[in-house]
Amino acid sequence: MANHKKNTEFSNNFIEIDIKSSGRQPLSHQVYEKLKEVIVKGDLAPGTRLTETEVAKRINVSATPVREAFRRLATEGFIKIEPWKGVKVQDLAEREVIETYQCREALEGYACRLAATNMDAEGIKRLRSLLARSKNIKSANEVVEINLALHNVILEYARNEKLTGMLGLFRNMVMHHRHVTAYMDERRKQMCKEHEDIVNALEQQDAAQAEKEMRLHVQNAYHYYVSCQDNC
């Protein structure tokens, strides 16, 4: 099995982007989005230390938007601010991982139940298309992308903005876990089968079965991640 351990040193090229090129969003939001992206993808490993000065210098902005981005990332649990030391990319403790997956199971399960009652032929067509694509890809990034797209279609049909907002936070927190398990062929095959069972229940508009299948899918994702951590 490949070793996906990341270096905890601040890389010279992790954030090669012209932050000032997009004037539609505040600088602090752009810095926040970029930092969050590299954290959830695993490009910045847990334990990596960052400082306002260093990040600001690398992306050619002042320290103020970096400081604001750090505060937002800390609030969402992506980093930990350590006075006089800068910040450190946060690693979820075992208890936090369990709680996060428990919340995701409940929320995604209920979203799937709601989606079943609203599902139509167009939604099933989109989901079937994603299922077909998922069976013919090799890239881990594509696996994550299609998995997220399928879940987003389901969430779209749940038609609940509050639920969407809450799930967004928990999904970000487990995104790095998805990138780890996406490398495993065994888990990819299981995911395809689980997704197919979910879509079948949605097509039948069986709300109870759809929720059951989604809950099982999230439970399996958690158990596989734990198994990977124990054996890697």
Foldseek 3Di string as FASTA:
>chain_A
DDDPDEDLEDDLPLQPDQLVPDPPDDSLVSLLVSVLVCLLQCNNPFFRFDALVVVCVSNVHHSVSVVSSVVVCVVLPQWAQDPPRHITGHDDDPVRLVVLLVVLLVLLLQLLLLLLQQDDPVLLVVLVVLLVVLVPDQDLVSNLVSVVVNSVSSNVSSPDVVSVVVNVSSCSNCSSLSSVCSNDPVVSVVLSVLSVQLSVCSVVSPSVSNSVSSSVNSVVSSVVSVVVVVVD
